[in-house]
């Protein structure tokens, strides 16, 4: 009997059109997790991010500063807010093409995994919601009272995603050379390199260039129940189906993505948010 094939999906900007934490900003604000002070600070940090870029050492300090904003949040409350607001927050921003591919991979007998730097409190319920078999996500550290300390256990970002996938392949007997991976960001190149069928979805400039040089498939996801604020033009080079037979909270991110949340809740939704680390 052959080894199992799999499909690995990045979450933000790949399966859904916006950062996942950003989708719950209104709910977090309603529950008192976001205040005027944190919203103002988050907006300022968002502006700093836009100007310093993802590769700057300063961004690491910005990320740590925003991470501190979530210190003291009750983990059980976060889980409840996500669970109660899941469908209303996520369904309108879910790419129909991604849902279709997830279903096709499952019907083909492949295991489907959601792989995201977003916190497990969000990614795990979303994996279940989308019909994925499992989630690989960042993991936050909590104190004895179940409140976030501002530290991380695991940061599922960049090379760490690839490491988690290889560990999973050993555990579950997966054939990575016959498996698929989907992402929008160049920060996920290590993840895409672990499989035999890498697919760049709505790729950023760097990933598009890498995909073109390496001959990777490029797909454009556009259809959502709620039109995306920015709908990119169709890819001019390679638009190929990725499924065979048709032709593809570590929680440091929580701090980074929290900037998006507080910025959105504070009325900064009009600012284009592109946090490549939250992939």
C-alpha atoms as a PDB file:
ATOM      1  CA  UNK A   1       0.000   0.000   0.000  1.00  0.00           C
ATOM      2  CA  UNK A   2       1.412   3.435  -0.990  1.00  0.00           C
ATOM      3  CA  UNK A   3       1.992   6.295   1.394  1.00  0.00           C
ATOM      4  CA  UNK A   4      -0.733   8.895   1.926  1.00  0.00           C
ATOM      5  CA  UNK A   5      -0.772  12.099  -0.117  1.00  0.00           C
ATOM      6  CA  UNK A   6      -1.615  15.443   1.495  1.00  0.00           C
ATOM      7  CA  UNK A   7      -2.466  19.066   0.761  1.00  0.00           C
ATOM      8  CA  UNK A   8      -1.163  21.907   2.942  1.00  0.00           C
ATOM      9  CA  UNK A   9      -2.951  25.259   2.864  1.00  0.00           C
ATOM     10  CA  UNK A  10      -1.649  28.528   4.232  1.00  0.00           C
ATOM     11  CA  UNK A  11      -4.538  30.490   5.763  1.00  0.00           C
ATOM     12  CA  UNK A  12      -4.347  34.285   5.489  1.00  0.00           C
ATOM     13  CA  UNK A  13      -4.580  35.597   1.901  1.00  0.00           C
ATOM     14  CA  UNK A  14      -4.679  31.994   0.644  1.00  0.00           C
ATOM     15  CA  UNK A  15      -7.835  30.379   2.038  1.00  0.00           C
ATOM     16  CA  UNK A  16      -9.335  33.642   3.288  1.00  0.00           C
ATOM     17  CA  UNK A  17      -8.989  37.132   1.825  1.00  0.00           C
ATOM     18  CA  UNK A  18      -7.975  38.948   5.028  1.00  0.00           C
ATOM     19  CA  UNK A  19      -5.793  38.262   8.076  1.00  0.00           C
ATOM     20  CA  UNK A  20      -7.774  35.824  10.218  1.00  0.00           C
ATOM     21  CA  UNK A  21      -7.401  37.791  13.436  1.00  0.00           C
ATOM     22  CA  UNK A  22      -8.560  40.930  11.680  1.00  0.00           C
ATOM     23  CA  UNK A  23     -11.850  39.194  10.903  1.00  0.00           C
ATOM     24  CA  UNK A  24     -12.642  38.967  14.624  1.00  0.00           C
ATOM     25  CA  UNK A  25     -11.711  42.558  15.514  1.00  0.00           C
ATOM     26  CA  UNK A  26     -15.301  43.653  16.097  1.00  0.00           C
ATOM     27  CA  UNK A  27     -15.998  40.657  18.342  1.00  0.00           C
ATOM     28  CA  UNK A  28     -12.811  41.224  20.359  1.00  0.00           C
ATOM     29  CA  UNK A  29     -13.732  44.850  20.829  1.00  0.00           C
ATOM     30  CA  UNK A  30     -17.253  43.953  21.952  1.00  0.00           C
ATOM     31  CA  UNK A  31     -15.847  41.623  24.612  1.00  0.00           C
ATOM     32  CA  UNK A  32     -13.528  44.313  25.949  1.00  0.00           C
ATOM     33  CA  UNK A  33     -10.309  42.733  24.727  1.00  0.00           C
ATOM     34  CA  UNK A  34      -9.581  45.823  22.658  1.00  0.00           C
ATOM     35  CA  UNK A  35      -9.607  49.310  24.182  1.00  0.00           C
ATOM     36  CA  UNK A  36      -9.162  52.801  22.810  1.00  0.00           C
ATOM     37  CA  UNK A  37      -5.576  52.774  24.020  1.00  0.00           C
ATOM     38  CA  UNK A  38      -4.677  49.483  22.360  1.00  0.00           C
ATOM     39  CA  UNK A  39      -6.458  50.493  19.174  1.00  0.00           C
ATOM     40  CA  UNK A  40      -4.498  53.741  19.021  1.00  0.00           C
ATOM     41  CA  UNK A  41      -1.217  51.950  19.668  1.00  0.00           C
ATOM     42  CA  UNK A  42      -2.055  49.295  17.109  1.00  0.00           C
ATOM     43  CA  UNK A  43      -2.772  51.937  14.483  1.00  0.00           C
ATOM     44  CA  UNK A  44       0.569  53.606  15.152  1.00  0.00           C
ATOM     45  CA  UNK A  45       2.396  50.283  14.928  1.00  0.00           C
ATOM     46  CA  UNK A  46       0.620  49.513  11.674  1.00  0.00           C
ATOM     47  CA  UNK A  47       1.941  52.747  10.190  1.00  0.00           C
ATOM     48  CA  UNK A  48       5.432  51.875  11.413  1.00  0.00           C
ATOM     49  CA  UNK A  49       5.154  48.450   9.800  1.00  0.00           C
ATOM     50  CA  UNK A  50       4.150  49.902   6.442  1.00  0.00           C
ATOM     51  CA  UNK A  51       7.259  52.072   6.441  1.00  0.00           C
ATOM     52  CA  UNK A  52       9.881  49.665   7.840  1.00  0.00           C
ATOM     53  CA  UNK A  53       8.947  46.585   5.841  1.00  0.00           C
ATOM     54  CA  UNK A  54       8.880  42.904   6.775  1.00  0.00           C
ATOM     55  CA  UNK A  55      12.628  42.378   6.572  1.00  0.00           C
ATOM     56  CA  UNK A  56      13.654  45.060   9.008  1.00  0.00           C
ATOM     57  CA  UNK A  57      15.045  44.332  12.465  1.00  0.00           C
ATOM     58  CA  UNK A  58      12.803  47.118  13.658  1.00  0.00           C
ATOM     59  CA  UNK A  59       9.793  45.016  12.695  1.00  0.00           C
ATOM     60  CA  UNK A  60      10.816  42.413  15.264  1.00  0.00           C
ATOM     61  CA  UNK A  61      10.649  45.098  17.954  1.00  0.00           C
ATOM     62  CA  UNK A  62       7.310  46.302  16.594  1.00  0.00           C
ATOM     63  CA  UNK A  63       5.973  42.756  16.660  1.00  0.00           C
ATOM     64  CA  UNK A  64       7.081  42.300  20.259  1.00  0.00           C
ATOM     65  CA  UNK A  65       5.459  45.585  21.232  1.00  0.00           C
ATOM     66  CA  UNK A  66       2.147  44.547  19.748  1.00  0.00           C
ATOM     67  CA  UNK A  67       2.471  41.097  21.273  1.00  0.00           C
ATOM     68  CA  UNK A  68       2.504  42.792  24.643  1.00  0.00           C
ATOM     69  CA  UNK A  69      -0.963  44.207  23.870  1.00  0.00           C
ATOM     70  CA  UNK A  70      -2.464  40.732  24.207  1.00  0.00           C
ATOM     71  CA  UNK A  71      -0.799  39.982  27.541  1.00  0.00           C
ATOM     72  CA  UNK A  72      -3.470  39.173  30.075  1.00  0.00           C
ATOM     73  CA  UNK A  73      -6.125  38.187  27.550  1.00  0.00           C
ATOM     74  CA  UNK A  74      -8.125  35.211  28.755  1.00  0.00           C
ATOM     75  CA  UNK A  75      -7.543  32.205  26.480  1.00  0.00           C
ATOM     76  CA  UNK A  76     -10.978  30.709  27.154  1.00  0.00           C
ATOM     77  CA  UNK A  77     -12.651  34.001  26.223  1.00  0.00           C
ATOM     78  CA  UNK A  78     -10.688  34.201  22.968  1.00  0.00           C
ATOM     79  CA  UNK A  79     -11.752  30.652  22.098  1.00  0.00           C
ATOM     80  CA  UNK A  80     -15.382  31.486  22.849  1.00  0.00           C
ATOM     81  CA  UNK A  81     -15.337  34.674  20.775  1.00  0.00           C
ATOM     82  CA  UNK A  82     -13.845  32.804  17.823  1.00  0.00           C
ATOM     83  CA  UNK A  83     -16.280  29.913  18.138  1.00  0.00           C
ATOM     84  CA  UNK A  84     -19.364  32.124  18.362  1.00  0.00           C
ATOM     85  CA  UNK A  85     -18.367  34.438  15.532  1.00  0.00           C
ATOM     86  CA  UNK A  86     -16.812  31.879  13.220  1.00  0.00           C
ATOM     87  CA  UNK A  87     -19.326  31.650  10.383  1.00  0.00           C
ATOM     88  CA  UNK A  88     -20.301  35.321  10.293  1.00  0.00           C
ATOM     89  CA  UNK A  89     -16.680  36.500  10.436  1.00  0.00           C
ATOM     90  CA  UNK A  90     -15.028  33.977   8.134  1.00  0.00           C
ATOM     91  CA  UNK A  91     -17.509  32.746   5.512  1.00  0.00           C
ATOM     92  CA  UNK A  92     -17.860  36.127   3.718  1.00  0.00           C
ATOM     93  CA  UNK A  93     -14.072  36.401   3.250  1.00  0.00           C
ATOM     94  CA  UNK A  94     -13.394  32.776   2.308  1.00  0.00           C
ATOM     95  CA  UNK A  95     -12.166  32.133  -1.213  1.00  0.00           C
ATOM     96  CA  UNK A  96     -14.579  29.818  -3.012  1.00  0.00           C
ATOM     97  CA  UNK A  97     -11.662  28.409  -5.014  1.00  0.00           C
ATOM     98  CA  UNK A  98      -9.896  27.392  -1.814  1.00  0.00           C
ATOM     99  CA  UNK A  99     -12.979  25.652  -0.431  1.00  0.00           C
ATOM    100  CA  UNK A 100     -13.401  23.797  -3.699  1.00  0.00           C
ATOM    101  CA  UNK A 101      -9.783  22.643  -3.678  1.00  0.00           C
ATOM    102  CA  UNK A 102     -10.018  21.489  -0.075  1.00  0.00           C
ATOM    103  CA  UNK A 103     -13.086  19.425  -0.970  1.00  0.00           C
ATOM    104  CA  UNK A 104     -11.416  18.016  -4.084  1.00  0.00           C
ATOM    105  CA  UNK A 105      -8.321  16.965  -2.191  1.00  0.00           C
ATOM    106  CA  UNK A 106     -10.452  15.260   0.447  1.00  0.00           C
ATOM    107  CA  UNK A 107     -12.508  13.451  -2.210  1.00  0.00           C
ATOM    108  CA  UNK A 108      -9.253  12.304  -3.805  1.00  0.00           C
ATOM    109  CA  UNK A 109      -8.335  10.637  -0.509  1.00  0.00           C
ATOM    110  CA  UNK A 110      -5.681  13.121   0.536  1.00  0.00           C
ATOM    111  CA  UNK A 111      -5.244  14.472   4.047  1.00  0.00           C
ATOM    112  CA  UNK A 112      -5.742  18.235   4.273  1.00  0.00           C
ATOM    113  CA  UNK A 113      -3.872  20.451   6.713  1.00  0.00           C
ATOM    114  CA  UNK A 114      -4.241  24.147   7.499  1.00  0.00           C
ATOM    115  CA  UNK A 115      -0.765  25.580   8.191  1.00  0.00           C
ATOM    116  CA  UNK A 116      -0.631  29.101   9.606  1.00  0.00           C
ATOM    117  CA  UNK A 117       1.427  31.398  11.791  1.00  0.00           C
ATOM    118  CA  UNK A 118      -1.873  32.573  13.262  1.00  0.00           C
ATOM    119  CA  UNK A 119      -2.670  31.392  16.806  1.00  0.00           C
ATOM    120  CA  UNK A 120      -4.066  27.920  17.359  1.00  0.00           C
ATOM    121  CA  UNK A 121      -7.123  29.429  19.055  1.00  0.00           C
ATOM    122  CA  UNK A 122      -8.167  30.677  15.637  1.00  0.00           C
ATOM    123  CA  UNK A 123      -6.594  28.178  13.235  1.00  0.00           C
ATOM    124  CA  UNK A 124      -7.897  24.996  14.870  1.00  0.00           C
ATOM    125  CA  UNK A 125     -11.594  26.011  14.745  1.00  0.00           C
ATOM    126  CA  UNK A 126     -11.091  27.208  11.166  1.00  0.00           C
ATOM    127  CA  UNK A 127      -9.542  23.889  10.149  1.00  0.00           C
ATOM    128  CA  UNK A 128     -12.593  22.093  11.474  1.00  0.00           C
ATOM    129  CA  UNK A 129     -14.882  24.632   9.802  1.00  0.00           C
ATOM    130  CA  UNK A 130     -13.219  24.085   6.414  1.00  0.00           C
ATOM    131  CA  UNK A 131     -13.143  20.301   6.717  1.00  0.00           C
ATOM    132  CA  UNK A 132      -9.361  20.032   7.081  1.00  0.00           C
ATOM    133  CA  UNK A 133      -8.022  17.051   9.005  1.00  0.00           C
ATOM    134  CA  UNK A 134      -5.694  19.038  11.247  1.00  0.00           C
ATOM    135  CA  UNK A 135      -4.186  22.467  11.929  1.00  0.00           C
ATOM    136  CA  UNK A 136      -0.565  23.457  12.382  1.00  0.00           C
ATOM    137  CA  UNK A 137      -0.418  26.852  14.065  1.00  0.00           C
ATOM    138  CA  UNK A 138       1.408  29.121  16.470  1.00  0.00           C
ATOM    139  CA  UNK A 139       0.996  28.346  20.152  1.00  0.00           C
ATOM    140  CA  UNK A 140       0.801  30.916  22.934  1.00  0.00           C
ATOM    141  CA  UNK A 141       2.098  30.507  26.449  1.00  0.00           C
ATOM    142  CA  UNK A 142      -0.509  30.961  29.174  1.00  0.00           C
ATOM    143  CA  UNK A 143      -0.153  31.313  32.926  1.00  0.00           C
ATOM    144  CA  UNK A 144      -1.844  29.225  35.602  1.00  0.00           C
ATOM    145  CA  UNK A 145      -4.972  31.365  35.300  1.00  0.00           C
ATOM    146  CA  UNK A 146      -5.249  30.708  31.568  1.00  0.00           C
ATOM    147  CA  UNK A 147      -4.136  34.184  30.516  1.00  0.00           C
ATOM    148  CA  UNK A 148      -1.600  34.970  27.822  1.00  0.00           C
ATOM    149  CA  UNK A 149       1.842  35.850  29.135  1.00  0.00           C
ATOM    150  CA  UNK A 150       3.106  37.542  25.974  1.00  0.00           C
ATOM    151  CA  UNK A 151       5.550  34.681  25.357  1.00  0.00           C
ATOM    152  CA  UNK A 152       5.370  31.926  22.778  1.00  0.00           C
ATOM    153  CA  UNK A 153       5.709  28.158  22.757  1.00  0.00           C
ATOM    154  CA  UNK A 154       5.884  27.796  18.980  1.00  0.00           C
ATOM    155  CA  UNK A 155       5.950  30.269  16.116  1.00  0.00           C
ATOM    156  CA  UNK A 156       4.695  28.488  12.990  1.00  0.00           C
ATOM    157  CA  UNK A 157       6.333  30.819  10.526  1.00  0.00           C
ATOM    158  CA  UNK A 158       8.802  30.470   7.643  1.00  0.00           C
ATOM    159  CA  UNK A 159      11.173  27.504   8.051  1.00  0.00           C
ATOM    160  CA  UNK A 160       9.216  26.338  11.101  1.00  0.00           C
ATOM    161  CA  UNK A 161       6.251  25.533   8.857  1.00  0.00           C
ATOM    162  CA  UNK A 162       8.465  23.275   6.746  1.00  0.00           C
ATOM    163  CA  UNK A 163       9.823  21.600   9.870  1.00  0.00           C
ATOM    164  CA  UNK A 164       6.314  20.950  11.187  1.00  0.00           C
ATOM    165  CA  UNK A 165       5.255  19.488   7.841  1.00  0.00           C
ATOM    166  CA  UNK A 166       8.245  17.128   7.714  1.00  0.00           C
ATOM    167  CA  UNK A 167       7.517  15.980  11.256  1.00  0.00           C
ATOM    168  CA  UNK A 168       3.892  15.426  10.301  1.00  0.00           C
ATOM    169  CA  UNK A 169       4.932  13.430   7.242  1.00  0.00           C
ATOM    170  CA  UNK A 170       6.969  11.089   9.430  1.00  0.00           C
ATOM    171  CA  UNK A 171       4.168  10.746  11.965  1.00  0.00           C
ATOM    172  CA  UNK A 172       1.359  10.180   9.469  1.00  0.00           C
ATOM    173  CA  UNK A 173       3.283   8.390   6.736  1.00  0.00           C
ATOM    174  CA  UNK A 174       2.801  11.121   4.138  1.00  0.00           C
ATOM    175  CA  UNK A 175       4.410  11.118   0.706  1.00  0.00           C
ATOM    176  CA  UNK A 176       5.530  14.727   0.392  1.00  0.00           C
ATOM    177  CA  UNK A 177       6.806  14.303  -3.167  1.00  0.00           C
ATOM    178  CA  UNK A 178       3.232  13.495  -4.208  1.00  0.00           C
ATOM    179  CA  UNK A 179       1.645  16.204  -2.037  1.00  0.00           C
ATOM    180  CA  UNK A 180       0.503  19.814  -2.583  1.00  0.00           C
ATOM    181  CA  UNK A 181       1.105  23.097  -0.781  1.00  0.00           C
ATOM    182  CA  UNK A 182      -0.562  26.475  -1.336  1.00  0.00           C
ATOM    183  CA  UNK A 183       0.583  29.922  -0.182  1.00  0.00           C
ATOM    184  CA  UNK A 184       0.563  33.590  -1.173  1.00  0.00           C
ATOM    185  CA  UNK A 185       3.830  34.688   0.436  1.00  0.00           C
ATOM    186  CA  UNK A 186       7.538  34.304  -0.252  1.00  0.00           C
ATOM    187  CA  UNK A 187       7.997  33.675   3.463  1.00  0.00           C
ATOM    188  CA  UNK A 188       6.401  30.281   2.810  1.00  0.00           C
ATOM    189  CA  UNK A 189       8.945  29.175   0.203  1.00  0.00           C
ATOM    190  CA  UNK A 190      10.376  26.625   2.700  1.00  0.00           C
ATOM    191  CA  UNK A 191       6.904  25.098   3.046  1.00  0.00           C
ATOM    192  CA  UNK A 192       6.345  25.059  -0.715  1.00  0.00           C
ATOM    193  CA  UNK A 193       9.732  23.407  -1.230  1.00  0.00           C
ATOM    194  CA  UNK A 194       8.768  20.443   0.959  1.00  0.00           C
ATOM    195  CA  UNK A 195       6.207  19.117  -1.534  1.00  0.00           C
ATOM    196  CA  UNK A 196       6.220  17.899  -5.098  1.00  0.00           C
ATOM    197  CA  UNK A 197       3.364  20.204  -6.157  1.00  0.00           C
ATOM    198  CA  UNK A 198       3.924  23.760  -4.852  1.00  0.00           C
ATOM    199  CA  UNK A 199       1.290  26.309  -5.846  1.00  0.00           C
ATOM    200  CA  UNK A 200       1.595  30.092  -5.525  1.00  0.00           C
ATOM    201  CA  UNK A 201      -1.841  31.570  -4.782  1.00  0.00           C
ATOM    202  CA  UNK A 202      -2.344  35.304  -5.278  1.00  0.00           C
ATOM    203  CA  UNK A 203       1.431  35.544  -4.846  1.00  0.00           C
ATOM    204  CA  UNK A 204       3.257  38.595  -3.604  1.00  0.00           C
ATOM    205  CA  UNK A 205       5.886  39.999  -5.924  1.00  0.00           C
ATOM    206  CA  UNK A 206       8.750  37.951  -4.498  1.00  0.00           C
ATOM    207  CA  UNK A 207       6.848  34.661  -4.580  1.00  0.00           C
ATOM    208  CA  UNK A 208       5.594  35.326  -8.107  1.00  0.00           C
ATOM    209  CA  UNK A 209       9.160  35.805  -9.264  1.00  0.00           C
ATOM    210  CA  UNK A 210      10.317  32.601  -7.539  1.00  0.00           C
ATOM    211  CA  UNK A 211       7.367  30.631  -8.922  1.00  0.00           C
ATOM    212  CA  UNK A 212       8.097  31.810 -12.451  1.00  0.00           C
ATOM    213  CA  UNK A 213      11.799  30.941 -12.163  1.00  0.00           C
ATOM    214  CA  UNK A 214      11.096  27.481 -10.759  1.00  0.00           C
ATOM    215  CA  UNK A 215       8.128  26.651 -12.931  1.00  0.00           C
ATOM    216  CA  UNK A 216       5.685  26.398 -10.027  1.00  0.00           C
ATOM    217  CA  UNK A 217       1.974  26.672 -10.657  1.00  0.00           C
ATOM    218  CA  UNK A 218       0.359  30.052 -10.076  1.00  0.00           C
ATOM    219  CA  UNK A 219      -3.314  30.401  -9.243  1.00  0.00           C
ATOM    220  CA  UNK A 220      -5.566  33.381  -8.698  1.00  0.00           C
ATOM    221  CA  UNK A 221      -8.285  33.065  -6.065  1.00  0.00           C
ATOM    222  CA  UNK A 222     -10.881  35.828  -6.398  1.00  0.00           C
ATOM    223  CA  UNK A 223     -14.392  34.626  -5.618  1.00  0.00           C
ATOM    224  CA  UNK A 224     -15.676  35.341  -2.107  1.00  0.00           C
ATOM    225  CA  UNK A 225     -19.156  35.836  -0.717  1.00  0.00           C
ATOM    226  CA  UNK A 226     -18.029  39.382   0.016  1.00  0.00           C
ATOM    227  CA  UNK A 227     -15.899  41.004  -2.732  1.00  0.00           C
ATOM    228  CA  UNK A 228     -12.307  41.527  -1.670  1.00  0.00           C
ATOM    229  CA  UNK A 229     -11.293  45.213  -1.244  1.00  0.00           C
ATOM    230  CA  UNK A 230      -8.547  44.675  -3.786  1.00  0.00           C
ATOM    231  CA  UNK A 231      -9.159  42.277  -6.637  1.00  0.00           C
ATOM    232  CA  UNK A 232      -5.963  41.595  -8.514  1.00  0.00           C
ATOM    233  CA  UNK A 233      -5.854  41.060 -12.257  1.00  0.00           C
ATOM    234  CA  UNK A 234      -5.741  37.552 -13.631  1.00  0.00           C
ATOM    235  CA  UNK A 235      -2.290  36.017 -13.680  1.00  0.00           C
ATOM    236  CA  UNK A 236      -0.823  36.399 -17.208  1.00  0.00           C
ATOM    237  CA  UNK A 237       1.667  33.566 -17.015  1.00  0.00           C
ATOM    238  CA  UNK A 238       0.637  30.205 -15.628  1.00  0.00           C
ATOM    239  CA  UNK A 239      -2.894  29.600 -14.383  1.00  0.00           C
ATOM    240  CA  UNK A 240      -3.106  25.877 -13.793  1.00  0.00           C
ATOM    241  CA  UNK A 241      -5.385  23.704 -11.668  1.00  0.00           C
ATOM    242  CA  UNK A 242      -3.422  22.181  -8.828  1.00  0.00           C
ATOM    243  CA  UNK A 243      -5.327  18.943  -8.280  1.00  0.00           C
ATOM    244  CA  UNK A 244      -4.101  15.833 -10.056  1.00  0.00           C
ATOM    245  CA  UNK A 245      -6.422  14.718 -12.783  1.00  0.00           C
ATOM    246  CA  UNK A 246      -7.299  18.297 -13.821  1.00  0.00           C
ATOM    247  CA  UNK A 247      -4.066  19.414 -15.179  1.00  0.00           C
ATOM    248  CA  UNK A 248      -2.420  22.228  -7.631  1.00  0.00           C
ATOM    249  CA  UNK A 249      -0.351  30.721  18.523  1.00  0.00           C
ATOM    250  CA  UNK A 250       4.667  29.963  18.824  1.00  0.00           C
ATOM    251  CA  UNK A 251       2.251  33.081  18.737  1.00  0.00           C
ATOM    252  CA  UNK A 252       4.701  35.778  17.916  1.00  0.00           C
ATOM    253  CA  UNK A 253       2.436  36.199  14.952  1.00  0.00           C
ATOM    254  CA  UNK A 254      -0.396  36.887  17.387  1.00  0.00           C
ATOM    255  CA  UNK A 255       1.474  40.041  18.244  1.00  0.00           C
ATOM    256  CA  UNK A 256       2.001  40.966  14.616  1.00  0.00           C
ATOM    257  CA  UNK A 257      -1.525  40.180  13.571  1.00  0.00           C
ATOM    258  CA  UNK A 258      -2.866  41.935  16.636  1.00  0.00           C
ATOM    259  CA  UNK A 259      -1.634  45.105  15.033  1.00  0.00           C
ATOM    260  CA  UNK A 260      -3.987  44.387  12.171  1.00  0.00           C
ATOM    261  CA  UNK A 261      -6.816  43.710  14.586  1.00  0.00           C
ATOM    262  CA  UNK A 262      -6.480  46.831  16.633  1.00  0.00           C
ATOM    263  CA  UNK A 263      -5.898  48.906  13.531  1.00  0.00           C
ATOM    264  CA  UNK A 264      -9.045  47.539  11.932  1.00  0.00           C
ATOM    265  CA  UNK A 265     -11.107  47.980  15.071  1.00  0.00           C
ATOM    266  CA  UNK A 266      -9.861  51.534  15.349  1.00  0.00           C
ATOM    267  CA  UNK A 267     -11.073  52.477  11.896  1.00  0.00           C
ATOM    268  CA  UNK A 268      -7.865  51.766  10.026  1.00  0.00           C
ATOM    269  CA  UNK A 269      -9.465  49.260   7.731  1.00  0.00           C
ATOM    270  CA  UNK A 270      -8.870  51.569   4.804  1.00  0.00           C
ATOM    271  CA  UNK A 271      -5.129  51.120   5.208  1.00  0.00           C
ATOM    272  CA  UNK A 272      -3.897  48.293   3.002  1.00  0.00           C
ATOM    273  CA  UNK A 273      -2.654  45.569   5.319  1.00  0.00           C
ATOM    274  CA  UNK A 274       0.077  43.320   4.052  1.00  0.00           C
ATOM    275  CA  UNK A 275       1.851  41.466   6.819  1.00  0.00           C
ATOM    276  CA  UNK A 276       3.921  38.819   5.083  1.00  0.00           C
ATOM    277  CA  UNK A 277       4.891  37.162   8.325  1.00  0.00           C
ATOM    278  CA  UNK A 278       1.275  36.226   8.938  1.00  0.00           C
ATOM    279  CA  UNK A 279       0.963  33.779   6.120  1.00  0.00           C
END
